[in-house]
Amino acid sequence: MAKRLAGKPVRLPGPYRGLTIGLVGGAFDPPHEGHQHVVEIARKRLRLDWIWVTPASDHPFKPNASAYPDRVRAAREALSGPRTRIAAIEGALGVTCTRDLLAHLKRRAPGARFIWIMGADNAISFHRWKAWKAIASQVPIAIVSRPGASPKAGLSRLAREFSGARLAQEQAGSLSLRRPPAWIYLSAPLNPASSTRLRITPSHGVRERR
């Protein structure tokens, strides 16, 4: 279970009031080119002011994940870019699920418009997340196409449960203005990278097959 980092105040990673902020969560063990693909497509299509990458402090589907500080550091090296911040928010707050993270952020960042962003591979298993329906009712959701998972994402429980809340792709720029539940599927040229196949060592540009 995550514990709040003693002696360190919880600080948001950047400005927020009146801004549209995309949130990209995950284990990032390791961060890879597929994550970069999701971040870049979301930034371009959703009219985001900022993207906050928020590594999970505890990942229920990856019990043997690397240490949280190591994953935060790796994400910062691999995924930092224009208008993108990597934030150890979950560890600082001591939360371990997305629902609680979103509740904290909405309280601490009044006036921000948040969008939860994930790859189509995560959308397939989204119904296994704790309080997944509550998450869908907290913020709009953007799903970015991923190799092998994209057709299944359209048939996922998320897609079926909230079929009436789906936006057309040409409405991507207005997603942040929609009252949740609201979600969109963004098709894009597919990047085949996966953390099960590829490890990025950002400092040296080395890629190691797993």
N, C-alpha and C. Protein backbone atom coordinates (compact mmCIF):
# COMPACT_ATOMS: atom_id res chain seq x y z
N MET A 1 0.85 -1.20 0.00
CA MET A 1 0.00 0.00 0.00
C MET A 1 0.88 1.24 0.00
N ALA A 2 0.46 2.23 -0.77
CA ALA A 2 1.26 3.46 -0.85
C ALA A 2 1.17 4.24 0.45
N LYS A 3 2.27 4.88 0.80
CA LYS A 3 2.29 5.75 1.97
C LYS A 3 2.71 7.15 1.53
N ARG A 4 2.09 8.13 2.12
CA ARG A 4 2.43 9.50 1.78
C ARG A 4 3.90 9.76 2.12
N LEU A 5 4.60 10.47 1.22
CA LEU A 5 6.01 10.74 1.41
C LEU A 5 6.18 11.74 2.54
N ALA A 6 6.74 11.30 3.63
CA ALA A 6 6.86 12.13 4.83
C ALA A 6 7.69 13.36 4.56
N GLY A 7 7.21 14.50 5.06
CA GLY A 7 7.98 15.73 4.98
C GLY A 7 7.91 16.44 3.65
N LYS A 8 7.20 15.85 2.68
CA LYS A 8 7.12 16.48 1.38
C LYS A 8 5.69 16.96 1.13
N PRO A 9 5.48 18.25 0.93
CA PRO A 9 4.14 18.75 0.66
C PRO A 9 3.64 18.26 -0.69
N VAL A 10 2.33 18.09 -0.79
CA VAL A 10 1.74 17.66 -2.05
C VAL A 10 1.62 18.88 -2.95
N ARG A 11 2.37 18.87 -4.03
CA ARG A 11 2.37 20.01 -4.95
C ARG A 11 1.93 19.54 -6.32
N LEU A 12 1.04 20.29 -6.91
CA LEU A 12 0.61 19.97 -8.26
C LEU A 12 1.73 20.29 -9.24
N PRO A 13 1.80 19.56 -10.35
CA PRO A 13 2.95 19.69 -11.24
C PRO A 13 2.97 20.92 -12.12
N GLY A 14 1.92 21.73 -12.10
CA GLY A 14 1.93 22.91 -12.94
C GLY A 14 0.65 23.71 -12.79
N PRO A 15 0.48 24.74 -13.60
CA PRO A 15 -0.74 25.55 -13.55
C PRO A 15 -1.94 24.72 -13.95
N TYR A 16 -3.11 25.13 -13.50
CA TYR A 16 -4.29 24.33 -13.79
C TYR A 16 -5.55 25.16 -14.00
N ARG A 17 -5.69 26.30 -13.35
CA ARG A 17 -6.97 27.01 -13.36
C ARG A 17 -7.36 27.43 -14.78
N GLY A 18 -8.54 26.98 -15.20
CA GLY A 18 -9.04 27.31 -16.52
C GLY A 18 -8.39 26.54 -17.64
N LEU A 19 -7.56 25.54 -17.32
CA LEU A 19 -6.81 24.80 -18.34
C LEU A 19 -7.38 23.40 -18.53
N THR A 20 -7.13 22.83 -19.70
CA THR A 20 -7.50 21.46 -20.01
C THR A 20 -6.28 20.58 -19.83
N ILE A 21 -6.38 19.60 -18.94
CA ILE A 21 -5.24 18.77 -18.56
C ILE A 21 -5.56 17.31 -18.80
N GLY A 22 -4.73 16.66 -19.59
CA GLY A 22 -4.86 15.23 -19.81
C GLY A 22 -4.06 14.46 -18.78
N LEU A 23 -4.65 13.43 -18.22
CA LEU A 23 -3.99 12.59 -17.21
C LEU A 23 -3.71 11.23 -17.82
N VAL A 24 -2.45 10.83 -17.79
CA VAL A 24 -2.04 9.53 -18.33
C VAL A 24 -1.45 8.71 -17.19
N GLY A 25 -2.16 7.67 -16.78
CA GLY A 25 -1.68 6.82 -15.70
C GLY A 25 -1.12 5.52 -16.22
N GLY A 26 -0.60 4.71 -15.29
CA GLY A 26 -0.05 3.41 -15.67
C GLY A 26 1.13 3.05 -14.80
N ALA A 27 1.61 1.83 -14.96
CA ALA A 27 2.77 1.39 -14.19
C ALA A 27 4.06 2.01 -14.72
N PHE A 28 4.14 2.17 -16.05
CA PHE A 28 5.36 2.68 -16.69
C PHE A 28 6.57 1.85 -16.24
N ASP A 29 6.43 0.54 -16.41
CA ASP A 29 7.47 -0.38 -15.98
C ASP A 29 7.81 -1.36 -17.11
N PRO A 30 8.53 -0.89 -18.11
CA PRO A 30 9.14 0.44 -18.21
C PRO A 30 8.28 1.35 -19.07
N PRO A 31 8.59 2.65 -19.11
CA PRO A 31 7.98 3.53 -20.11
C PRO A 31 8.51 3.13 -21.48
N HIS A 32 7.68 3.23 -22.50
CA HIS A 32 8.09 2.78 -23.83
C HIS A 32 7.48 3.66 -24.91
N GLU A 33 7.79 3.34 -26.15
CA GLU A 33 7.35 4.18 -27.27
C GLU A 33 5.83 4.17 -27.43
N GLY A 34 5.18 3.10 -26.98
CA GLY A 34 3.72 3.08 -27.01
C GLY A 34 3.13 4.15 -26.11
N HIS A 35 3.76 4.39 -24.95
CA HIS A 35 3.31 5.48 -24.08
C HIS A 35 3.52 6.83 -24.76
N GLN A 36 4.65 6.98 -25.43
CA GLN A 36 4.92 8.22 -26.15
C GLN A 36 3.86 8.45 -27.22
N HIS A 37 3.47 7.38 -27.89
CA HIS A 37 2.43 7.44 -28.93
C HIS A 37 1.12 7.96 -28.34
N VAL A 38 0.71 7.41 -27.20
CA VAL A 38 -0.53 7.83 -26.56
C VAL A 38 -0.47 9.31 -26.17
N VAL A 39 0.64 9.72 -25.57
CA VAL A 39 0.81 11.11 -25.15
C VAL A 39 0.75 12.06 -26.34
N GLU A 40 1.44 11.72 -27.42
CA GLU A 40 1.50 12.61 -28.57
C GLU A 40 0.16 12.73 -29.27
N ILE A 41 -0.53 11.60 -29.45
CA ILE A 41 -1.84 11.65 -30.11
C ILE A 41 -2.83 12.44 -29.27
N ALA A 42 -2.83 12.21 -27.98
CA ALA A 42 -3.76 12.94 -27.10
C ALA A 42 -3.48 14.43 -27.13
N ARG A 43 -2.21 14.80 -27.08
CA ARG A 43 -1.86 16.22 -27.09
C ARG A 43 -2.37 16.89 -28.37
N LYS A 44 -2.23 16.23 -29.49
CA LYS A 44 -2.61 16.82 -30.77
C LYS A 44 -4.12 16.89 -30.96
N ARG A 45 -4.82 15.84 -30.54
CA ARG A 45 -6.23 15.71 -30.90
C ARG A 45 -7.20 16.30 -29.88
N LEU A 46 -6.78 16.41 -28.63
CA LEU A 46 -7.71 16.81 -27.57
C LEU A 46 -7.60 18.28 -27.17
N ARG A 47 -6.73 19.02 -27.84
CA ARG A 47 -6.54 20.44 -27.52
C ARG A 47 -6.18 20.64 -26.05
N LEU A 48 -5.19 19.91 -25.61
CA LEU A 48 -4.77 19.96 -24.21
C LEU A 48 -3.81 21.11 -23.96
N ASP A 49 -3.95 21.72 -22.81
CA ASP A 49 -2.96 22.72 -22.38
C ASP A 49 -1.75 22.03 -21.76
N TRP A 50 -2.02 20.96 -21.00
CA TRP A 50 -0.96 20.20 -20.35
C TRP A 50 -1.32 18.73 -20.34
N ILE A 51 -0.29 17.89 -20.26
CA ILE A 51 -0.47 16.47 -19.94
C ILE A 51 0.31 16.19 -18.66
N TRP A 52 -0.37 15.58 -17.71
CA TRP A 52 0.29 15.13 -16.48
C TRP A 52 0.36 13.61 -16.53
N VAL A 53 1.57 13.08 -16.56
CA VAL A 53 1.79 11.63 -16.51
C VAL A 53 1.91 11.23 -15.04
N THR A 54 1.05 10.33 -14.59
CA THR A 54 0.96 10.01 -13.16
C THR A 54 1.21 8.52 -12.94
N PRO A 55 2.46 8.10 -12.76
CA PRO A 55 2.73 6.68 -12.50
C PRO A 55 1.97 6.17 -11.29
N ALA A 56 1.46 4.94 -11.41
CA ALA A 56 0.71 4.33 -10.30
C ALA A 56 1.65 3.97 -9.16
N SER A 57 1.29 4.37 -7.95
CA SER A 57 2.14 4.03 -6.80
C SER A 57 2.11 2.54 -6.53
N ASP A 58 0.95 1.93 -6.63
CA ASP A 58 0.78 0.48 -6.56
C ASP A 58 -0.04 0.06 -7.76
N HIS A 59 0.39 -0.99 -8.46
CA HIS A 59 -0.34 -1.43 -9.65
C HIS A 59 -0.92 -2.81 -9.37
N PRO A 60 -2.25 -2.95 -9.27
CA PRO A 60 -2.85 -4.22 -8.88
C PRO A 60 -2.59 -5.36 -9.85
N PHE A 61 -2.33 -5.03 -11.12
CA PHE A 61 -2.11 -6.07 -12.12
C PHE A 61 -0.63 -6.36 -12.34
N LYS A 62 0.24 -5.63 -11.63
CA LYS A 62 1.68 -5.86 -11.75
C LYS A 62 2.30 -5.88 -10.35
N PRO A 63 2.07 -6.97 -9.61
CA PRO A 63 2.54 -7.02 -8.22
C PRO A 63 4.06 -6.99 -8.09
N ASN A 64 4.77 -7.34 -9.15
CA ASN A 64 6.23 -7.36 -9.09
C ASN A 64 6.85 -6.16 -9.81
N ALA A 65 6.11 -5.08 -9.86
CA ALA A 65 6.61 -3.88 -10.55
C ALA A 65 7.84 -3.33 -9.85
N SER A 66 8.63 -2.60 -10.61
CA SER A 66 9.81 -1.94 -10.05
C SER A 66 9.40 -0.92 -9.00
N ALA A 67 10.34 -0.49 -8.20
CA ALA A 67 10.06 0.47 -7.13
C ALA A 67 9.48 1.76 -7.71
N TYR A 68 8.54 2.33 -6.98
CA TYR A 68 7.84 3.53 -7.45
C TYR A 68 8.79 4.67 -7.82
N PRO A 69 9.76 5.04 -6.99
CA PRO A 69 10.65 6.14 -7.38
C PRO A 69 11.41 5.85 -8.67
N ASP A 70 11.76 4.58 -8.90
CA ASP A 70 12.47 4.23 -10.13
C ASP A 70 11.57 4.40 -11.35
N ARG A 71 10.30 4.03 -11.21
CA ARG A 71 9.38 4.17 -12.34
C ARG A 71 9.07 5.64 -12.63
N VAL A 72 8.95 6.43 -11.57
CA VAL A 72 8.74 7.87 -11.77
C VAL A 72 9.94 8.48 -12.49
N ARG A 73 11.13 8.10 -12.07
CA ARG A 73 12.35 8.64 -12.68
C ARG A 73 12.44 8.22 -14.16
N ALA A 74 12.13 6.96 -14.44
CA ALA A 74 12.19 6.48 -15.82
C ALA A 74 11.17 7.18 -16.69
N ALA A 75 9.96 7.38 -16.16
CA ALA A 75 8.93 8.09 -16.92
C ALA A 75 9.35 9.53 -17.20
N ARG A 76 9.97 10.16 -16.21
CA ARG A 76 10.41 11.54 -16.38
C ARG A 76 11.47 11.64 -17.49
N GLU A 77 12.36 10.68 -17.55
CA GLU A 77 13.41 10.71 -18.56
C GLU A 77 12.87 10.38 -19.95
N ALA A 78 11.91 9.44 -20.02
CA ALA A 78 11.44 8.96 -21.31
C ALA A 78 10.30 9.76 -21.90
N LEU A 79 9.45 10.34 -21.07
CA LEU A 79 8.19 10.91 -21.56
C LEU A 79 8.08 12.42 -21.42
N SER A 80 9.01 13.06 -20.76
CA SER A 80 8.93 14.52 -20.65
C SER A 80 9.01 15.14 -22.04
N GLY A 81 8.24 16.18 -22.25
CA GLY A 81 8.22 16.84 -23.55
C GLY A 81 7.44 18.12 -23.46
N PRO A 82 7.08 18.68 -24.62
CA PRO A 82 6.33 19.93 -24.63
C PRO A 82 5.02 19.82 -23.85
N ARG A 83 4.83 20.68 -22.91
CA ARG A 83 3.60 20.74 -22.13
C ARG A 83 3.27 19.41 -21.45
N THR A 84 4.30 18.67 -21.08
CA THR A 84 4.11 17.38 -20.43
C THR A 84 4.90 17.35 -19.13
N ARG A 85 4.24 17.03 -18.05
CA ARG A 85 4.89 16.92 -16.74
C ARG A 85 4.69 15.51 -16.20
N ILE A 86 5.73 14.95 -15.59
CA ILE A 86 5.62 13.67 -14.92
C ILE A 86 5.52 13.95 -13.43
N ALA A 87 4.47 13.45 -12.80
CA ALA A 87 4.17 13.83 -11.43
C ALA A 87 3.97 12.61 -10.54
N ALA A 88 4.67 12.59 -9.42
CA ALA A 88 4.52 11.50 -8.44
C ALA A 88 3.36 11.82 -7.50
N ILE A 89 2.22 12.10 -8.07
CA ILE A 89 1.08 12.55 -7.27
C ILE A 89 0.53 11.43 -6.40
N GLU A 90 0.41 10.22 -6.96
CA GLU A 90 -0.17 9.13 -6.17
C GLU A 90 0.65 8.86 -4.92
N GLY A 91 1.97 8.82 -5.07
CA GLY A 91 2.82 8.58 -3.91
C GLY A 91 2.73 9.69 -2.90
N ALA A 92 2.65 10.93 -3.37
CA ALA A 92 2.58 12.08 -2.46
C ALA A 92 1.27 12.10 -1.69
N LEU A 93 0.19 11.71 -2.36
CA LEU A 93 -1.12 11.72 -1.72
C LEU A 93 -1.39 10.45 -0.92
N GLY A 94 -0.65 9.39 -1.22
CA GLY A 94 -0.90 8.13 -0.55
C GLY A 94 -2.12 7.40 -1.07
N VAL A 95 -2.49 7.65 -2.32
CA VAL A 95 -3.64 6.96 -2.91
C VAL A 95 -3.16 5.83 -3.80
N THR A 96 -4.02 4.84 -3.99
CA THR A 96 -3.63 3.66 -4.76
C THR A 96 -4.62 3.31 -5.85
N CYS A 97 -5.62 4.13 -6.08
CA CYS A 97 -6.56 3.84 -7.16
C CYS A 97 -6.93 5.13 -7.88
N THR A 98 -7.31 4.97 -9.14
CA THR A 98 -7.59 6.12 -9.99
C THR A 98 -8.75 6.94 -9.49
N ARG A 99 -9.78 6.28 -8.98
CA ARG A 99 -10.93 7.02 -8.46
C ARG A 99 -10.51 8.02 -7.38
N ASP A 100 -9.67 7.57 -6.45
CA ASP A 100 -9.24 8.45 -5.36
C ASP A 100 -8.31 9.54 -5.87
N LEU A 101 -7.45 9.20 -6.83
CA LEU A 101 -6.57 10.21 -7.42
C LEU A 101 -7.39 11.33 -8.05
N LEU A 102 -8.40 10.96 -8.82
CA LEU A 102 -9.23 11.96 -9.48
C LEU A 102 -9.98 12.82 -8.47
N ALA A 103 -10.48 12.20 -7.42
CA ALA A 103 -11.20 12.95 -6.40
C ALA A 103 -10.29 13.99 -5.75
N HIS A 104 -9.05 13.61 -5.45
CA HIS A 104 -8.09 14.54 -4.86
C HIS A 104 -7.78 15.68 -5.83
N LEU A 105 -7.53 15.34 -7.08
CA LEU A 105 -7.15 16.36 -8.06
C LEU A 105 -8.28 17.36 -8.29
N LYS A 106 -9.50 16.88 -8.34
CA LYS A 106 -10.62 17.78 -8.57
C LYS A 106 -10.83 18.73 -7.40
N ARG A 107 -10.50 18.26 -6.19
CA ARG A 107 -10.59 19.15 -5.02
C ARG A 107 -9.44 20.15 -4.99
N ARG A 108 -8.26 19.70 -5.35
CA ARG A 108 -7.06 20.54 -5.23
C ARG A 108 -6.84 21.45 -6.43
N ALA A 109 -7.52 21.17 -7.53
CA ALA A 109 -7.32 21.97 -8.74
C ALA A 109 -8.66 22.46 -9.27
N PRO A 110 -9.35 23.29 -8.51
CA PRO A 110 -10.64 23.81 -8.98
C PRO A 110 -10.44 24.65 -10.23
N GLY A 111 -11.35 24.48 -11.16
CA GLY A 111 -11.24 25.24 -12.40
C GLY A 111 -10.51 24.51 -13.50
N ALA A 112 -9.85 23.39 -13.18
CA ALA A 112 -9.18 22.59 -14.21
C ALA A 112 -10.20 21.67 -14.88
N ARG A 113 -9.98 21.39 -16.14
CA ARG A 113 -10.79 20.43 -16.89
C ARG A 113 -9.91 19.21 -17.16
N PHE A 114 -10.20 18.10 -16.51
CA PHE A 114 -9.37 16.91 -16.64
C PHE A 114 -9.97 15.93 -17.64
N ILE A 115 -9.09 15.24 -18.35
CA ILE A 115 -9.46 14.12 -19.22
C ILE A 115 -8.56 12.94 -18.85
N TRP A 116 -9.16 11.78 -18.62
CA TRP A 116 -8.36 10.58 -18.38
C TRP A 116 -8.03 9.95 -19.73
N ILE A 117 -6.75 9.65 -19.95
CA ILE A 117 -6.28 9.16 -21.24
C ILE A 117 -5.66 7.79 -21.05
N MET A 118 -6.01 6.85 -21.93
CA MET A 118 -5.40 5.53 -21.86
C MET A 118 -5.38 4.89 -23.24
N GLY A 119 -4.47 3.92 -23.41
CA GLY A 119 -4.41 3.18 -24.65
C GLY A 119 -5.54 2.18 -24.74
N ALA A 120 -5.83 1.73 -25.96
CA ALA A 120 -6.93 0.79 -26.15
C ALA A 120 -6.69 -0.52 -25.41
N ASP A 121 -5.42 -0.89 -25.19
CA ASP A 121 -5.13 -2.11 -24.45
C ASP A 121 -5.64 -2.02 -23.02
N ASN A 122 -5.54 -0.85 -22.41
CA ASN A 122 -6.07 -0.67 -21.05
C ASN A 122 -7.59 -0.59 -21.03
N ALA A 123 -8.17 -0.09 -22.11
CA ALA A 123 -9.63 0.02 -22.16
C ALA A 123 -10.28 -1.35 -22.10
N ILE A 124 -9.61 -2.36 -22.66
CA ILE A 124 -10.17 -3.71 -22.67
C ILE A 124 -10.37 -4.24 -21.25
N SER A 125 -9.44 -3.94 -20.37
CA SER A 125 -9.51 -4.44 -18.99
C SER A 125 -9.99 -3.37 -18.01
N PHE A 126 -10.51 -2.28 -18.50
CA PHE A 126 -10.92 -1.18 -17.63
C PHE A 126 -11.96 -1.61 -16.61
N HIS A 127 -12.81 -2.57 -16.98
CA HIS A 127 -13.86 -3.02 -16.06
C HIS A 127 -13.29 -3.75 -14.85
N ARG A 128 -12.01 -4.08 -14.88
CA ARG A 128 -11.37 -4.73 -13.73
C ARG A 128 -10.80 -3.70 -12.75
N TRP A 129 -10.78 -2.44 -13.14
CA TRP A 129 -10.27 -1.40 -12.25
C TRP A 129 -11.26 -1.18 -11.11
N LYS A 130 -10.72 -0.83 -9.96
CA LYS A 130 -11.56 -0.53 -8.82
C LYS A 130 -12.46 0.67 -9.13
N ALA A 131 -13.76 0.50 -8.91
CA ALA A 131 -14.75 1.58 -9.10
C ALA A 131 -14.69 2.15 -10.51
N TRP A 132 -14.61 1.28 -11.51
CA TRP A 132 -14.43 1.76 -12.89
C TRP A 132 -15.60 2.60 -13.38
N LYS A 133 -16.80 2.27 -12.97
CA LYS A 133 -17.95 3.07 -13.39
C LYS A 133 -17.91 4.46 -12.75
N ALA A 134 -17.44 4.52 -11.52
CA ALA A 134 -17.30 5.81 -10.85
C ALA A 134 -16.26 6.68 -11.56
N ILE A 135 -15.17 6.06 -12.01
CA ILE A 135 -14.15 6.80 -12.75
C ILE A 135 -14.76 7.42 -14.00
N ALA A 136 -15.53 6.62 -14.74
CA ALA A 136 -16.15 7.11 -15.97
C ALA A 136 -17.14 8.23 -15.70
N SER A 137 -17.65 8.30 -14.49
CA SER A 137 -18.59 9.36 -14.13
C SER A 137 -17.90 10.58 -13.53
N GLN A 138 -16.58 10.48 -13.30
CA GLN A 138 -15.83 11.60 -12.73
C GLN A 138 -15.26 12.53 -13.79
N VAL A 139 -14.71 11.95 -14.86
CA VAL A 139 -14.04 12.74 -15.89
C VAL A 139 -14.30 12.14 -17.27
N PRO A 140 -14.24 12.95 -18.33
CA PRO A 140 -14.27 12.38 -19.68
C PRO A 140 -13.06 11.48 -19.90
N ILE A 141 -13.20 10.51 -20.79
CA ILE A 141 -12.15 9.54 -21.05
C ILE A 141 -11.82 9.53 -22.54
N ALA A 142 -10.52 9.50 -22.85
CA ALA A 142 -10.05 9.37 -24.23
C ALA A 142 -9.28 8.07 -24.34
N ILE A 143 -9.62 7.27 -25.34
CA ILE A 143 -8.94 6.00 -25.61
C ILE A 143 -8.19 6.13 -26.92
N VAL A 144 -6.90 5.83 -26.90
CA VAL A 144 -6.05 5.95 -28.09
C VAL A 144 -5.77 4.56 -28.63
N SER A 145 -5.90 4.38 -29.94
CA SER A 145 -5.72 3.07 -30.56
C SER A 145 -4.34 2.50 -30.27
N ARG A 146 -4.30 1.17 -30.11
CA ARG A 146 -3.06 0.45 -29.84
C ARG A 146 -3.08 -0.86 -30.63
N PRO A 147 -1.94 -1.34 -31.09
CA PRO A 147 -1.89 -2.56 -31.92
C PRO A 147 -2.53 -3.76 -31.23
N GLY A 148 -3.38 -4.46 -31.97
CA GLY A 148 -3.97 -5.68 -31.46
C GLY A 148 -5.12 -5.48 -30.52
N ALA A 149 -5.27 -4.30 -29.96
CA ALA A 149 -6.31 -4.07 -28.96
C ALA A 149 -7.44 -3.20 -29.48
N SER A 150 -7.20 -2.48 -30.56
CA SER A 150 -8.16 -1.48 -31.00
C SER A 150 -9.53 -2.05 -31.33
N PRO A 151 -9.64 -3.16 -32.11
CA PRO A 151 -10.99 -3.69 -32.37
C PRO A 151 -11.69 -4.13 -31.09
N LYS A 152 -10.94 -4.74 -30.16
CA LYS A 152 -11.54 -5.22 -28.92
C LYS A 152 -12.01 -4.07 -28.03
N ALA A 153 -11.32 -2.93 -28.11
CA ALA A 153 -11.70 -1.79 -27.27
C ALA A 153 -13.12 -1.35 -27.57
N GLY A 154 -13.51 -1.44 -28.84
CA GLY A 154 -14.86 -1.05 -29.22
C GLY A 154 -15.93 -1.99 -28.71
N LEU A 155 -15.50 -3.18 -28.27
CA LEU A 155 -16.42 -4.17 -27.74
C LEU A 155 -16.26 -4.35 -26.23
N SER A 156 -15.45 -3.52 -25.61
CA SER A 156 -15.17 -3.65 -24.18
C SER A 156 -16.41 -3.33 -23.35
N ARG A 157 -16.36 -3.70 -22.07
CA ARG A 157 -17.48 -3.39 -21.19
C ARG A 157 -17.66 -1.89 -21.04
N LEU A 158 -16.55 -1.15 -21.05
CA LEU A 158 -16.65 0.31 -21.01
C LEU A 158 -17.46 0.81 -22.19
N ALA A 159 -17.15 0.31 -23.39
CA ALA A 159 -17.85 0.76 -24.59
C ALA A 159 -19.32 0.38 -24.55
N ARG A 160 -19.61 -0.81 -24.05
CA ARG A 160 -21.00 -1.26 -24.00
C ARG A 160 -21.79 -0.52 -22.93
N GLU A 161 -21.19 -0.38 -21.76
CA GLU A 161 -21.89 0.25 -20.63
C GLU A 161 -22.21 1.71 -20.91
N PHE A 162 -21.29 2.40 -21.60
CA PHE A 162 -21.46 3.83 -21.85
C PHE A 162 -21.56 4.12 -23.35
N SER A 163 -22.25 3.26 -24.06
CA SER A 163 -22.36 3.41 -25.51
C SER A 163 -23.01 4.73 -25.90
N GLY A 164 -23.95 5.19 -25.10
CA GLY A 164 -24.63 6.45 -25.41
C GLY A 164 -23.82 7.68 -25.11
N ALA A 165 -22.66 7.51 -24.48
CA ALA A 165 -21.82 8.65 -24.10
C ALA A 165 -20.61 8.82 -25.02
N ARG A 166 -20.57 8.02 -26.09
CA ARG A 166 -19.41 8.08 -26.99
C ARG A 166 -19.53 9.26 -27.95
N LEU A 167 -18.41 9.97 -28.11
CA LEU A 167 -18.34 11.08 -29.05
C LEU A 167 -17.69 10.63 -30.35
N ALA A 168 -18.05 11.28 -31.44
CA ALA A 168 -17.38 11.03 -32.72
C ALA A 168 -15.98 11.64 -32.68
N GLN A 169 -15.07 11.08 -33.48
CA GLN A 169 -13.68 11.53 -33.43
C GLN A 169 -13.53 13.01 -33.76
N GLU A 170 -14.38 13.51 -34.65
CA GLU A 170 -14.27 14.92 -35.00
C GLU A 170 -14.68 15.84 -33.85
N GLN A 171 -15.22 15.28 -32.78
CA GLN A 171 -15.59 16.06 -31.60
C GLN A 171 -14.51 16.03 -30.52
N ALA A 172 -13.34 15.52 -30.85
CA ALA A 172 -12.27 15.34 -29.85
C ALA A 172 -11.93 16.64 -29.13
N GLY A 173 -11.91 17.74 -29.85
CA GLY A 173 -11.52 19.00 -29.26
C GLY A 173 -12.48 19.52 -28.21
N SER A 174 -13.70 18.97 -28.19
CA SER A 174 -14.70 19.43 -27.22
C SER A 174 -14.90 18.45 -26.08
N LEU A 175 -14.11 17.37 -26.04
CA LEU A 175 -14.32 16.35 -25.01
C LEU A 175 -14.25 16.92 -23.60
N SER A 176 -13.31 17.81 -23.36
CA SER A 176 -13.13 18.35 -22.00
C SER A 176 -14.32 19.16 -21.54
N LEU A 177 -15.15 19.61 -22.47
CA LEU A 177 -16.30 20.44 -22.12
C LEU A 177 -17.55 19.60 -21.85
N ARG A 178 -17.45 18.30 -22.10
CA ARG A 178 -18.60 17.42 -21.93
C ARG A 178 -18.75 16.97 -20.49
N ARG A 179 -19.97 16.87 -20.07
CA ARG A 179 -20.23 16.37 -18.71
C ARG A 179 -20.11 14.85 -18.71
N PRO A 180 -19.29 14.27 -17.82
CA PRO A 180 -19.16 12.81 -17.80
C PRO A 180 -20.44 12.13 -17.30
N PRO A 181 -20.65 10.91 -17.76
CA PRO A 181 -19.76 10.11 -18.60
C PRO A 181 -19.73 10.60 -20.04
N ALA A 182 -18.54 10.67 -20.57
CA ALA A 182 -18.31 11.01 -21.97
C ALA A 182 -16.97 10.41 -22.36
N TRP A 183 -16.91 9.78 -23.52
CA TRP A 183 -15.64 9.17 -23.93
C TRP A 183 -15.52 9.19 -25.45
N ILE A 184 -14.28 9.03 -25.88
CA ILE A 184 -13.99 9.07 -27.31
C ILE A 184 -12.89 8.07 -27.62
N TYR A 185 -12.97 7.50 -28.81
CA TYR A 185 -11.92 6.60 -29.29
C TYR A 185 -11.16 7.32 -30.40
N LEU A 186 -9.86 7.43 -30.23
CA LEU A 186 -9.02 8.14 -31.20
C LEU A 186 -8.20 7.14 -32.00
N SER A 187 -8.51 6.98 -33.26
CA SER A 187 -7.70 6.11 -34.11
C SER A 187 -6.50 6.89 -34.60
N ALA A 188 -5.39 6.19 -34.78
CA ALA A 188 -4.14 6.83 -35.19
C ALA A 188 -3.21 5.75 -35.72
N PRO A 189 -2.19 6.13 -36.50
CA PRO A 189 -1.19 5.14 -36.92
C PRO A 189 -0.65 4.42 -35.70
N LEU A 190 -0.60 3.10 -35.77
CA LEU A 190 -0.32 2.31 -34.59
C LEU A 190 1.16 2.13 -34.34
N ASN A 191 1.54 2.28 -33.08
CA ASN A 191 2.90 2.03 -32.64
C ASN A 191 2.90 0.69 -31.91
N PRO A 192 3.68 -0.30 -32.39
CA PRO A 192 3.60 -1.64 -31.82
C PRO A 192 4.32 -1.83 -30.50
N ALA A 193 5.00 -0.82 -30.00
CA ALA A 193 5.82 -0.99 -28.79
C ALA A 193 4.96 -1.35 -27.59
N SER A 194 5.48 -2.22 -26.76
CA SER A 194 4.81 -2.63 -25.52
C SER A 194 5.86 -2.88 -24.46
N SER A 195 5.50 -2.65 -23.22
CA SER A 195 6.47 -2.86 -22.14
C SER A 195 6.80 -4.33 -21.96
N THR A 196 6.01 -5.23 -22.55
CA THR A 196 6.34 -6.65 -22.48
C THR A 196 7.41 -7.00 -23.51
N ARG A 197 7.69 -6.09 -24.43
CA ARG A 197 8.65 -6.35 -25.50
C ARG A 197 9.83 -5.42 -25.48
N LEU A 198 9.64 -4.21 -24.97
CA LEU A 198 10.64 -3.18 -25.18
C LEU A 198 10.90 -2.40 -23.91
N ARG A 199 12.14 -2.26 -23.56
CA ARG A 199 12.53 -1.43 -22.41
C ARG A 199 13.35 -0.26 -22.92
N ILE A 200 12.96 0.94 -22.53
CA ILE A 200 13.70 2.13 -22.92
C ILE A 200 14.64 2.51 -21.79
N THR A 201 15.88 2.75 -22.12
CA THR A 201 16.83 3.31 -21.17
C THR A 201 17.13 4.72 -21.66
N PRO A 202 16.35 5.72 -21.23
CA PRO A 202 16.39 7.05 -21.84
C PRO A 202 17.76 7.70 -21.79
N SER A 203 18.49 7.51 -20.71
CA SER A 203 19.75 8.22 -20.56
C SER A 203 20.74 7.84 -21.65
N HIS A 204 20.61 6.61 -22.17
CA HIS A 204 21.58 6.13 -23.13
C HIS A 204 20.96 5.79 -24.47
N GLY A 205 19.62 5.92 -24.57
CA GLY A 205 18.96 5.61 -25.81
C GLY A 205 19.00 4.13 -26.15
N VAL A 206 19.15 3.27 -25.15
CA VAL A 206 19.28 1.84 -25.37
C VAL A 206 17.91 1.19 -25.25
N ARG A 207 17.62 0.30 -26.17
CA ARG A 207 16.37 -0.45 -26.11
C ARG A 207 16.72 -1.92 -25.92
N GLU A 208 16.14 -2.54 -24.94
CA GLU A 208 16.43 -3.94 -24.64
C GLU A 208 15.16 -4.75 -24.83
N ARG A 209 15.20 -5.77 -25.65
CA ARG A 209 14.06 -6.65 -25.81
C ARG A 209 13.89 -7.50 -24.56
N ARG A 210 12.65 -7.70 -24.19
CA ARG A 210 12.37 -8.48 -22.98
C ARG A 210 11.77 -9.82 -23.38
